């Protein structure tokens, strides 16, 4: 699993969901599975880690990652089941990955 983070976008090899910097601010991010919400960079990374895990695992409360999912979801103001349900929905047709895959430098904080 590879989560790629650059200056303006985040994307995963396990999920079609993406995050992108908002046009108005270098410090605010939009995540495809949380439409209408604006997040700080750390929260966007948390959202992308969650989407990455949902893309790989069939997650439920009994899954071994249940406590981590609950923690990540709580950081986003959601319950674990809410976050899993939202992140499980298909991403929009146009994604940041298609628009910005080659732009920006990789972030050393990128998770695997």
C-alpha atoms as a PDB file:
ATOM      1  CA  UNK A   1       0.000   0.000   0.000  1.00  0.00           C
ATOM      2  CA  UNK A   2       1.385   3.341  -1.026  1.00  0.00           C
ATOM      3  CA  UNK A   3      -0.077   6.689  -0.065  1.00  0.00           C
ATOM      4  CA  UNK A   4       1.525   9.425  -2.141  1.00  0.00           C
ATOM      5  CA  UNK A   5       1.551  12.925  -0.716  1.00  0.00           C
ATOM      6  CA  UNK A   6       2.900  15.915  -2.597  1.00  0.00           C
ATOM      7  CA  UNK A   7       2.517  19.672  -2.238  1.00  0.00           C
ATOM      8  CA  UNK A   8      -0.987  19.864  -3.693  1.00  0.00           C
ATOM      9  CA  UNK A   9      -2.445  16.343  -3.786  1.00  0.00           C
ATOM     10  CA  UNK A  10      -2.691  12.994  -2.031  1.00  0.00           C
ATOM     11  CA  UNK A  11      -3.624   9.674  -3.608  1.00  0.00           C
ATOM     12  CA  UNK A  12      -3.386   5.981  -2.917  1.00  0.00           C
ATOM     13  CA  UNK A  13      -2.743   2.866  -4.939  1.00  0.00           C
ATOM     14  CA  UNK A  14      -5.572   1.152  -3.011  1.00  0.00           C
ATOM     15  CA  UNK A  15      -8.387   3.682  -3.341  1.00  0.00           C
ATOM     16  CA  UNK A  16      -9.752   5.972  -6.012  1.00  0.00           C
ATOM     17  CA  UNK A  17     -10.305   8.657  -3.367  1.00  0.00           C
ATOM     18  CA  UNK A  18      -8.034  11.665  -3.426  1.00  0.00           C
ATOM     19  CA  UNK A  19      -7.295  14.833  -1.491  1.00  0.00           C
ATOM     20  CA  UNK A  20      -6.305  18.166  -2.925  1.00  0.00           C
ATOM     21  CA  UNK A  21      -5.329  21.529  -1.629  1.00  0.00           C
ATOM     22  CA  UNK A  22      -8.130  24.067  -1.826  1.00  0.00           C
ATOM     23  CA  UNK A  23      -7.665  26.756  -4.452  1.00  0.00           C
ATOM     24  CA  UNK A  24      -7.991  29.498  -1.818  1.00  0.00           C
ATOM     25  CA  UNK A  25      -5.477  28.325   0.774  1.00  0.00           C
ATOM     26  CA  UNK A  26      -2.216  26.445   1.006  1.00  0.00           C
ATOM     27  CA  UNK A  27      -3.276  25.167   4.432  1.00  0.00           C
ATOM     28  CA  UNK A  28      -6.697  23.712   3.653  1.00  0.00           C
ATOM     29  CA  UNK A  29      -7.535  20.439   1.905  1.00  0.00           C
ATOM     30  CA  UNK A  30     -10.592  18.756   0.355  1.00  0.00           C
ATOM     31  CA  UNK A  31     -10.986  14.967   0.409  1.00  0.00           C
ATOM     32  CA  UNK A  32     -13.174  13.258  -2.190  1.00  0.00           C
ATOM     33  CA  UNK A  33     -15.050  11.071   0.298  1.00  0.00           C
ATOM     34  CA  UNK A  34     -15.820  14.038   2.558  1.00  0.00           C
ATOM     35  CA  UNK A  35     -17.451  16.445   0.085  1.00  0.00           C
ATOM     36  CA  UNK A  36     -18.167  19.901   1.423  1.00  0.00           C
ATOM     37  CA  UNK A  37     -15.649  19.611   4.258  1.00  0.00           C
ATOM     38  CA  UNK A  38     -12.377  21.496   4.421  1.00  0.00           C
ATOM     39  CA  UNK A  39      -9.590  19.925   6.462  1.00  0.00           C
ATOM     40  CA  UNK A  40      -6.119  20.803   7.626  1.00  0.00           C
ATOM     41  CA  UNK A  41      -3.247  18.804   6.124  1.00  0.00           C
ATOM     42  CA  UNK A  42      -2.992  16.338   9.025  1.00  0.00           C
ATOM     43  CA  UNK A  43      -6.720  15.585   8.919  1.00  0.00           C
ATOM     44  CA  UNK A  44      -6.539  15.101   5.146  1.00  0.00           C
ATOM     45  CA  UNK A  45      -3.718  12.583   5.666  1.00  0.00           C
ATOM     46  CA  UNK A  46      -5.851  10.781   8.273  1.00  0.00           C
ATOM     47  CA  UNK A  47      -8.778  10.701   5.827  1.00  0.00           C
ATOM     48  CA  UNK A  48      -6.572   9.296   3.084  1.00  0.00           C
ATOM     49  CA  UNK A  49      -5.102   6.619   5.383  1.00  0.00           C
ATOM     50  CA  UNK A  50      -8.663   5.612   6.224  1.00  0.00           C
ATOM     51  CA  UNK A  51      -9.676   5.474   2.547  1.00  0.00           C
ATOM     52  CA  UNK A  52      -6.527   3.466   1.822  1.00  0.00           C
ATOM     53  CA  UNK A  53      -7.425   0.875   4.468  1.00  0.00           C
ATOM     54  CA  UNK A  54     -11.055   0.687   3.342  1.00  0.00           C
ATOM     55  CA  UNK A  55      -9.802   0.038  -0.187  1.00  0.00           C
ATOM     56  CA  UNK A  56      -7.832  -3.014   0.977  1.00  0.00           C
ATOM     57  CA  UNK A  57      -9.866  -4.537   3.813  1.00  0.00           C
ATOM     58  CA  UNK A  58     -13.463  -5.505   4.405  1.00  0.00           C
ATOM     59  CA  UNK A  59     -13.699  -3.454   7.582  1.00  0.00           C
ATOM     60  CA  UNK A  60     -16.207  -3.932  10.362  1.00  0.00           C
ATOM     61  CA  UNK A  61     -16.144  -3.561  14.142  1.00  0.00           C
ATOM     62  CA  UNK A  62     -14.685  -7.072  14.519  1.00  0.00           C
ATOM     63  CA  UNK A  63     -11.721  -6.428  12.202  1.00  0.00           C
ATOM     64  CA  UNK A  64      -8.305  -6.232  13.886  1.00  0.00           C
ATOM     65  CA  UNK A  65      -7.980  -2.609  12.660  1.00  0.00           C
ATOM     66  CA  UNK A  66     -11.255  -1.682  14.414  1.00  0.00           C
ATOM     67  CA  UNK A  67      -9.608   0.392  17.163  1.00  0.00           C
ATOM     68  CA  UNK A  68      -7.425   2.276  14.656  1.00  0.00           C
ATOM     69  CA  UNK A  69     -10.414   2.906  12.393  1.00  0.00           C
ATOM     70  CA  UNK A  70     -12.383   4.276  15.352  1.00  0.00           C
ATOM     71  CA  UNK A  71      -9.467   6.546  16.297  1.00  0.00           C
ATOM     72  CA  UNK A  72      -8.947   7.854  12.772  1.00  0.00           C
ATOM     73  CA  UNK A  73     -12.686   8.389  12.340  1.00  0.00           C
ATOM     74  CA  UNK A  74     -12.886  10.269  15.657  1.00  0.00           C
ATOM     75  CA  UNK A  75     -10.141  12.626  14.431  1.00  0.00           C
ATOM     76  CA  UNK A  76     -12.517  13.472  11.576  1.00  0.00           C
ATOM     77  CA  UNK A  77     -15.587  13.837  13.815  1.00  0.00           C
ATOM     78  CA  UNK A  78     -17.122  10.558  12.622  1.00  0.00           C
ATOM     79  CA  UNK A  79     -17.778   7.120  14.057  1.00  0.00           C
ATOM     80  CA  UNK A  80     -15.898   4.173  12.611  1.00  0.00           C
ATOM     81  CA  UNK A  81     -18.947   2.792  10.758  1.00  0.00           C
ATOM     82  CA  UNK A  82     -19.761   6.252   9.340  1.00  0.00           C
ATOM     83  CA  UNK A  83     -16.209   6.711   8.080  1.00  0.00           C
ATOM     84  CA  UNK A  84     -16.052   3.223   6.559  1.00  0.00           C
ATOM     85  CA  UNK A  85     -19.415   3.713   4.825  1.00  0.00           C
ATOM     86  CA  UNK A  86     -18.396   7.081   3.360  1.00  0.00           C
ATOM     87  CA  UNK A  87     -14.912   5.979   2.312  1.00  0.00           C
ATOM     88  CA  UNK A  88     -16.413   2.872   0.689  1.00  0.00           C
ATOM     89  CA  UNK A  89     -18.440   4.950  -1.759  1.00  0.00           C
ATOM     90  CA  UNK A  90     -16.974   5.367  -5.254  1.00  0.00           C
ATOM     91  CA  UNK A  91     -14.837   8.413  -5.888  1.00  0.00           C
ATOM     92  CA  UNK A  92     -15.923  11.116  -8.331  1.00  0.00           C
ATOM     93  CA  UNK A  93     -15.114  10.557 -11.999  1.00  0.00           C
ATOM     94  CA  UNK A  94     -12.450  13.261 -12.103  1.00  0.00           C
ATOM     95  CA  UNK A  95      -9.829  12.795  -9.461  1.00  0.00           C
ATOM     96  CA  UNK A  96      -6.817  14.656  -8.251  1.00  0.00           C
ATOM     97  CA  UNK A  97      -4.780  11.618  -9.253  1.00  0.00           C
ATOM     98  CA  UNK A  98      -5.604  12.190 -12.921  1.00  0.00           C
ATOM     99  CA  UNK A  99      -4.997  15.941 -12.751  1.00  0.00           C
ATOM    100  CA  UNK A 100      -1.903  16.129 -10.569  1.00  0.00           C
ATOM    101  CA  UNK A 101      -0.211  12.721 -10.422  1.00  0.00           C
ATOM    102  CA  UNK A 102       3.082  14.057 -11.751  1.00  0.00           C
ATOM    103  CA  UNK A 103       3.094  17.428  -9.971  1.00  0.00           C
ATOM    104  CA  UNK A 104       4.842  18.436  -6.747  1.00  0.00           C
ATOM    105  CA  UNK A 105       7.439  16.689  -4.671  1.00  0.00           C
ATOM    106  CA  UNK A 106       6.796  13.674  -2.500  1.00  0.00           C
ATOM    107  CA  UNK A 107       6.300  14.245   1.183  1.00  0.00           C
ATOM    108  CA  UNK A 108       8.554  12.317   3.575  1.00  0.00           C
ATOM    109  CA  UNK A 109       5.535  11.852   5.857  1.00  0.00           C
ATOM    110  CA  UNK A 110       3.837   9.657   3.262  1.00  0.00           C
ATOM    111  CA  UNK A 111       2.540   6.432   4.755  1.00  0.00           C
ATOM    112  CA  UNK A 112       2.832   2.932   3.343  1.00  0.00           C
END
